[in-house]
Structure formats: structure tokens, C-alpha cells
Amino acid sequence: MYEAYYGLAEKPFSLTPDTDFFYQSGTHREALNVLLVAIKSGDGFIKVTGEVGTGKTLLCRKLLDALNDNFNTVYIPNPYMNCNALLDAVIAEMGIADKLEKDNYLACINDYLIDSAKQSKTTVIILDEAQSLPEESLEAIRLLSNLETEKKKLVQIILFGQPELDHKLAQSSIRQLQQRIMHAYQLMPLDEEAIRAYLQHRVESAGYSGPELFDQSARRLLFKISHGVPRIINVLSNKAMMQSYASGEFYVSRKHIQTAARDGKVIPLKAGRQGLRAAMLAMFAVSIYLTSLYQ
């Protein structure tokens, strides 16, 4: 709607995990570096956690893009499934479903991993939203991590999840899996200064060329409401740009952020647990701010 008005090729604050818009904040750059170094070192098991909306899925996609042809990747975006269903998804991603015999998943996957290793390729299994994994499926992941030769692991496994993943892994019944994690990283929200760079990066990635669109008062209010969570920043920034466009103004100011925050449709409710939690978190932050306005 407002793209032509601002000279944009596309909307800069979409909620889809588009790697063209990946902003390398300190925490996201460090997380990506940790992942790449750990994978190339063959350390076997890695965990990345972060609150809803902090950019885990986008980081996950960026990692997939960063892995070259020396890696075979298996990406499971929603692993909320029982053990057999999860292993079915893994072999389907590997392209070896036709080689499965009598539900002997581990043997089938092991043969694939050995063949890959002979071709000097590292296999990386990435599970997004890993906090939703049932306990039996976490046990299957542990068994996969056992696949190794005398000299190295045959597969690298990366878990991306919300903080609930830590609580789940702390259960005594699956403590063996926790002990196998060689590297763990926690994504943090953006600080106030990073939000300024984040906004500029997003609009420039969408084709904008010109002075900063968001003035200082708008940025400060964005930080106060969002607490640095990129998803909430995106929702409010998109709304604020629409408000600025609709009023015939160009630059986004505090009043546009206020209007965006008051909009009852500021957080679109999505199907599923993740979308509901994101909506609740964002609306709670917005409600706190709005209450403070009238005290």
C-alpha cells in the first residue's frame, strides 16, 4: 500500500523470515558465528534458545544459506510429532524414504550418513521450535546423536527453541541428551541503539534511499513498547508507516507509534501455539505501555 510512496520495492517489516532482511545485531552475528564454528568443528550437538519473536527462525534460515555444498542439511520446521513421524520426516528430507525397511530408521539413516561421510560431506539436522518435541522424540534425537565412527560424529544436530526447551531438557528422564550439548547460545532482544540500525537496515533492504524514516522519539517509544523484540518492532513499524502514509506525512514520529500501539489489530492472531504466545506477549507489552499513558 505505502511502498511506492516511500520508494520501496517491498514491505520492509514483513513477519516472514526473509534472509534478505537479516540484520546482524551483536547477538545474531555472534550466534551465527558460534553455529558455523561448532558445525565445522564437528562438535555434534548445539542448542540455540530465545524468547518468542527474537529471530530464531530467521537465524535458522540464514544458517541454512551459509552452509555450502560440503554439507547435507535436514531442516524440520515443526517437530511436534511422535518418534516415528519425526524419523519419517528426517528420512524424507534426506531423500531416502524408499530405502527404509521394516521401520528400521536408525540403520537407514546410518547408511545415509556413512555414504555422505565417504563423499566428505557433513550432515546437519536442524530442528526449529524444538521446545515442542515430545519426550519420546527427544529420545530419538539422542539416538541419532549416537551415530558416529571411531573418529568423528556422523551428524551435527542443532535445536532452535524457546526457553521452555531448557526446562524440558532439564528433566531427569532425558538428562543424557542435555549432557551431549556441546554449545548453547541464548538470543537476546535488541537494545535501543541497535533498533535504530535495525530499522534503517530493514527499509534500505526494501529499497529505501534517503534520510532516516523513524525519528528519535519514535525509536525510543518502539524500544519502550517492544523491549527490543524484533517481531513486535516489525508489527508496530509496519502499522506506523501506514499511519504516516495515510495522514500525508513522510517521516514516522512518536504519534504514529502510539496510534499503531492503540490499534486493536496490531498483533495478528495466528493459528498454533507459537502465534498465540507471540500475540499474548506483544499485547501484554502494549497494554502496559498504554496504561502508563493515562496514569
Protein backbone atom coordinates (compact mmCIF):
# COMPACT_ATOMS: atom_id res chain seq x y z
CA MET A 1 0.00 0.00 0.00
CA TYR A 2 2.66 2.52 1.02
CA GLU A 3 5.58 1.01 -0.90
CA ALA A 4 5.51 3.41 -3.87
CA TYR A 5 5.07 6.39 -1.51
CA TYR A 6 8.39 5.58 0.18
CA GLY A 7 10.15 4.31 -2.95
CA LEU A 8 10.20 0.73 -1.73
CA ALA A 9 10.30 -2.45 -3.76
CA GLU A 10 8.53 -4.39 -0.99
CA LYS A 11 7.31 -4.01 2.57
CA PRO A 12 10.26 -3.70 4.96
CA PHE A 13 8.60 -5.10 8.07
CA SER A 14 7.04 -8.35 6.96
CA LEU A 15 6.81 -11.13 9.56
CA THR A 16 8.06 -13.78 7.13
CA PRO A 17 11.65 -14.97 7.81
CA ASP A 18 13.25 -13.46 4.67
CA THR A 19 17.04 -13.76 4.85
CA ASP A 20 17.43 -10.67 2.64
CA PHE A 21 16.32 -8.71 5.70
CA PHE A 22 18.60 -10.47 8.19
CA TYR A 23 20.12 -7.85 10.49
CA GLN A 24 23.40 -8.84 12.11
CA SER A 25 22.93 -7.39 15.54
CA GLY A 26 25.59 -8.30 18.09
CA THR A 27 23.61 -11.24 19.41
CA HIS A 28 22.56 -12.59 15.99
CA ARG A 29 26.03 -12.22 14.48
CA GLU A 30 27.62 -13.96 17.46
CA ALA A 31 25.04 -16.76 17.38
CA LEU A 32 25.64 -17.37 13.67
CA ASN A 33 29.41 -17.44 14.21
CA VAL A 34 29.06 -19.89 17.11
CA LEU A 35 26.89 -22.17 14.97
CA LEU A 36 29.23 -22.14 11.98
CA VAL A 37 32.37 -22.73 14.06
CA ALA A 38 30.71 -25.53 16.05
CA ILE A 39 29.41 -27.25 12.91
CA LYS A 40 32.77 -27.05 11.14
CA SER A 41 34.48 -28.36 14.27
CA GLY A 42 32.22 -31.40 14.28
CA ASP A 43 31.09 -30.86 17.87
CA GLY A 44 27.89 -32.82 17.38
CA PHE A 45 25.14 -31.09 19.36
CA ILE A 46 24.20 -27.40 19.54
CA LYS A 47 21.28 -25.54 21.13
CA VAL A 48 20.01 -22.00 20.46
CA THR A 49 17.22 -20.55 22.60
CA GLY A 50 15.39 -17.25 22.60
CA GLU A 51 12.06 -15.73 23.52
CA VAL A 52 9.20 -15.57 21.03
CA GLY A 53 9.94 -13.06 18.26
CA THR A 54 13.70 -12.71 18.82
CA GLY A 55 14.57 -14.04 15.35
CA LYS A 56 15.34 -17.73 15.83
CA THR A 57 13.69 -18.89 12.61
CA LEU A 58 15.35 -16.15 10.55
CA LEU A 59 18.71 -17.10 12.08
CA CYS A 60 17.95 -20.71 11.24
CA ARG A 61 17.27 -19.81 7.59
CA LYS A 62 20.43 -17.70 7.48
CA LEU A 63 22.43 -20.66 8.75
CA LEU A 64 20.99 -22.89 6.03
CA ASP A 65 22.03 -20.32 3.42
CA ALA A 66 25.53 -20.14 4.89
CA LEU A 67 26.19 -23.88 4.62
CA ASN A 68 27.72 -24.70 1.24
CA ASP A 69 27.73 -27.87 -0.86
CA ASN A 70 30.03 -29.60 1.64
CA PHE A 71 27.01 -30.04 3.88
CA ASN A 72 23.84 -32.08 3.58
CA THR A 73 21.12 -30.31 5.53
CA VAL A 74 17.89 -31.65 7.01
CA TYR A 75 15.51 -28.93 8.15
CA ILE A 76 12.45 -29.77 10.27
CA PRO A 77 10.49 -26.54 10.89
CA ASN A 78 7.82 -28.00 13.15
CA PRO A 79 8.91 -31.14 15.02
CA TYR A 80 5.77 -31.53 17.12
CA MET A 81 5.31 -35.18 16.17
CA ASN A 82 5.83 -38.60 17.66
CA CYS A 83 9.04 -40.55 17.30
CA ASN A 84 8.23 -42.43 14.09
CA ALA A 85 6.69 -39.38 12.43
CA LEU A 86 9.81 -37.36 13.23
CA LEU A 87 12.12 -40.02 11.82
CA ASP A 88 9.85 -40.28 8.75
CA ALA A 89 10.31 -36.53 8.25
CA VAL A 90 14.08 -36.86 8.61
CA ILE A 91 14.47 -39.62 6.03
CA ALA A 92 12.08 -37.79 3.69
CA GLU A 93 14.31 -34.71 3.88
CA MET A 94 17.33 -36.93 3.26
CA GLY A 95 15.61 -38.39 0.21
CA ILE A 96 15.95 -41.98 1.38
CA ALA A 97 12.36 -42.86 2.33
CA ASP A 98 12.37 -45.60 -0.33
CA LYS A 99 15.28 -47.34 1.42
CA LEU A 100 13.51 -47.80 4.75
CA GLU A 101 12.93 -51.46 5.65
CA LYS A 102 10.63 -52.63 8.46
CA ASP A 103 10.75 -49.33 10.34
CA ASN A 104 14.48 -49.73 10.90
CA TYR A 105 15.02 -45.98 10.86
CA LEU A 106 18.40 -45.77 12.57
CA ALA A 107 20.02 -48.31 10.25
CA CYS A 108 18.62 -46.49 7.22
CA ILE A 109 19.83 -43.11 8.45
CA ASN A 110 23.20 -44.54 9.47
CA ASP A 111 23.79 -45.90 5.96
CA TYR A 112 22.99 -42.46 4.55
CA LEU A 113 25.37 -40.76 6.97
CA ILE A 114 28.20 -43.18 6.17
CA ASP A 115 27.72 -42.63 2.43
CA SER A 116 27.74 -38.88 2.99
CA ALA A 117 30.92 -39.08 5.06
CA LYS A 118 32.63 -41.06 2.29
CA GLN A 119 31.82 -38.16 -0.01
CA SER A 120 33.41 -35.79 2.56
CA LYS A 121 30.03 -34.25 3.33
CA THR A 122 28.83 -33.31 6.79
CA THR A 123 25.17 -33.91 7.60
CA VAL A 124 23.41 -31.25 9.68
CA ILE A 125 19.94 -31.81 11.14
CA ILE A 126 18.20 -28.60 12.22
CA LEU A 127 15.02 -28.64 14.28
CA ASP A 128 13.16 -25.36 14.73
CA GLU A 129 10.61 -24.90 17.55
CA ALA A 130 12.34 -27.75 19.38
CA GLN A 131 10.57 -26.93 22.65
CA SER A 132 7.52 -28.65 21.15
CA LEU A 133 9.31 -32.01 20.77
CA PRO A 134 7.60 -34.77 22.79
CA GLU A 135 9.85 -36.64 25.20
CA GLU A 136 9.88 -39.78 23.04
CA SER A 137 11.03 -37.74 20.06
CA LEU A 138 13.81 -36.16 22.11
CA GLU A 139 14.97 -39.68 22.87
CA ALA A 140 15.04 -40.37 19.11
CA ILE A 141 17.22 -37.29 18.67
CA ARG A 142 19.57 -38.63 21.32
CA LEU A 143 19.81 -41.94 19.46
CA LEU A 144 20.60 -40.09 16.24
CA SER A 145 23.44 -38.30 18.01
CA ASN A 146 24.95 -41.70 18.82
CA LEU A 147 25.65 -42.34 15.14
CA GLU A 148 29.40 -41.97 14.77
CA THR A 149 32.59 -43.60 13.61
CA GLU A 150 35.63 -44.23 15.79
CA LYS A 151 36.97 -40.81 14.88
CA LYS A 152 34.03 -38.41 14.46
CA LYS A 153 30.33 -37.78 14.70
CA LEU A 154 28.39 -38.62 11.57
CA VAL A 155 25.74 -35.96 12.16
CA GLN A 156 25.53 -32.48 13.64
CA ILE A 157 22.23 -31.70 15.38
CA ILE A 158 21.01 -28.17 16.12
CA LEU A 159 18.00 -27.39 18.28
CA PHE A 160 16.32 -23.98 18.00
CA GLY A 161 13.72 -23.35 20.66
CA GLN A 162 12.01 -21.11 23.17
CA PRO A 163 13.23 -21.07 26.81
CA GLU A 164 10.85 -23.93 27.60
CA LEU A 165 13.35 -26.15 25.78
CA ASP A 166 15.81 -25.68 28.64
CA HIS A 167 13.19 -26.77 31.16
CA LYS A 168 12.34 -29.81 29.08
CA LEU A 169 15.98 -30.84 28.72
CA ALA A 170 16.46 -30.47 32.48
CA GLN A 171 14.09 -33.38 33.14
CA SER A 172 15.89 -36.31 34.71
CA SER A 173 14.40 -38.72 32.17
CA ILE A 174 16.30 -37.08 29.29
CA ARG A 175 19.37 -35.76 31.09
CA GLN A 176 21.60 -37.80 28.78
CA LEU A 177 20.54 -35.57 25.91
CA GLN A 178 21.36 -32.41 27.88
CA GLN A 179 24.82 -33.77 28.61
CA ARG A 180 25.53 -34.17 24.90
CA ILE A 181 25.02 -30.49 24.07
CA MET A 182 28.46 -29.07 23.36
CA HIS A 183 27.44 -25.47 22.63
CA ALA A 184 24.48 -23.40 23.77
CA TYR A 185 23.57 -19.84 22.87
CA GLN A 186 20.75 -17.57 24.02
CA LEU A 187 19.46 -14.89 21.64
CA MET A 188 18.84 -11.55 23.29
CA PRO A 189 16.47 -8.70 22.27
CA LEU A 190 17.85 -5.58 20.58
CA ASP A 191 18.99 -2.65 22.67
CA GLU A 192 17.84 0.90 21.89
CA GLU A 193 20.82 1.76 19.70
CA ALA A 194 20.51 -1.49 17.75
CA ILE A 195 16.86 -0.70 16.99
CA ARG A 196 17.96 2.41 15.10
CA ALA A 197 20.31 0.37 12.91
CA TYR A 198 17.71 -2.39 12.58
CA LEU A 199 15.04 -0.01 11.26
CA GLN A 200 17.44 1.55 8.78
CA HIS A 201 18.65 -1.85 7.60
CA ARG A 202 15.11 -3.09 7.00
CA VAL A 203 13.95 -0.08 4.99
CA GLU A 204 17.16 0.03 2.95
CA SER A 205 16.88 -3.71 2.23
CA ALA A 206 13.39 -2.97 0.89
CA GLY A 207 14.78 -0.35 -1.49
CA TYR A 208 14.58 2.88 0.50
CA SER A 209 17.17 5.60 -0.10
CA GLY A 210 17.09 8.75 1.96
CA PRO A 211 17.22 10.17 5.50
CA GLU A 212 16.10 8.11 8.47
CA LEU A 213 12.36 7.49 8.35
CA PHE A 214 11.90 6.98 12.10
CA ASP A 215 12.75 9.96 14.28
CA GLN A 216 14.34 9.64 17.71
CA SER A 217 11.07 9.89 19.63
CA ALA A 218 9.58 7.10 17.52
CA ARG A 219 12.60 4.87 18.10
CA ARG A 220 12.53 5.45 21.84
CA LEU A 221 8.87 4.57 22.04
CA LEU A 222 9.40 1.48 19.89
CA PHE A 223 12.05 0.29 22.31
CA LYS A 224 9.84 1.02 25.33
CA ILE A 225 6.90 -0.93 23.94
CA SER A 226 8.72 -3.79 22.21
CA HIS A 227 11.51 -4.34 24.75
CA GLY A 228 13.71 -4.93 21.71
CA VAL A 229 11.77 -7.93 20.35
CA PRO A 230 12.13 -7.78 16.54
CA ARG A 231 8.70 -9.28 15.78
CA ILE A 232 6.90 -6.62 17.82
CA ILE A 233 9.10 -3.93 16.26
CA ASN A 234 8.07 -5.18 12.82
CA VAL A 235 4.37 -5.17 13.61
CA LEU A 236 4.40 -1.67 15.10
CA SER A 237 6.72 -0.22 12.44
CA ASN A 238 4.55 -1.52 9.60
CA LYS A 239 1.45 -0.01 11.23
CA ALA A 240 3.23 3.28 11.91
CA MET A 241 4.38 3.63 8.30
CA MET A 242 0.81 3.04 7.16
CA GLN A 243 -0.37 5.75 9.57
CA SER A 244 2.24 8.19 8.29
CA TYR A 245 1.30 7.46 4.69
CA ALA A 246 -2.44 7.73 5.37
CA SER A 247 -2.02 11.14 7.03
CA GLY A 248 0.02 12.50 4.14
CA GLU A 249 3.19 12.72 6.22
CA PHE A 250 6.51 11.11 5.38
CA TYR A 251 8.59 10.60 8.50
CA VAL A 252 7.46 8.32 11.31
CA SER A 253 7.16 10.03 14.69
CA ARG A 254 6.07 9.14 18.21
CA LYS A 255 2.41 9.79 17.44
CA HIS A 256 2.43 7.21 14.65
CA ILE A 257 3.89 4.58 17.00
CA GLN A 258 1.26 5.50 19.61
CA THR A 259 -1.53 5.06 17.08
CA ALA A 260 -0.07 1.74 15.95
CA ALA A 261 0.09 0.55 19.57
CA ARG A 262 -3.52 1.52 20.21
CA ASP A 263 -4.71 -0.33 17.14
CA GLY A 264 -6.58 -3.40 18.35
CA LYS A 265 -5.32 -5.32 15.32
CA VAL A 266 -1.66 -4.59 15.98
CA ILE A 267 -0.85 -8.27 16.63
CA PRO A 268 -2.43 -10.68 14.13
CA LEU A 269 -3.57 -13.85 15.84
CA LYS A 270 -2.10 -16.87 14.08
CA ALA A 271 -3.08 -20.47 14.38
CA GLY A 272 -0.91 -22.53 16.65
CA ARG A 273 0.79 -22.24 19.99
CA GLN A 274 3.65 -20.06 18.80
CA GLY A 275 1.39 -17.46 17.20
CA LEU A 276 -0.87 -17.31 20.25
CA ARG A 277 2.06 -16.88 22.59
CA ALA A 278 3.56 -14.16 20.39
CA ALA A 279 0.27 -12.30 20.37
CA MET A 280 -0.12 -12.56 24.12
CA LEU A 281 3.43 -11.38 24.77
CA ALA A 282 3.14 -8.41 22.44
CA MET A 283 -0.30 -7.35 23.61
CA PHE A 284 0.84 -7.56 27.23
CA ALA A 285 3.74 -5.23 26.47
CA VAL A 286 1.46 -2.83 24.61
CA SER A 287 -1.16 -2.86 27.39
CA ILE A 288 1.46 -1.96 29.98
CA TYR A 289 2.55 0.98 27.90
CA LEU A 290 -0.99 2.23 27.23
CA THR A 291 -1.82 2.02 30.94
CA SER A 292 1.20 4.18 31.73
CA LEU A 293 -0.03 6.86 29.30
CA TYR A 294 -3.10 7.58 31.39
CA GLN A 295 -1.59 7.41 34.87
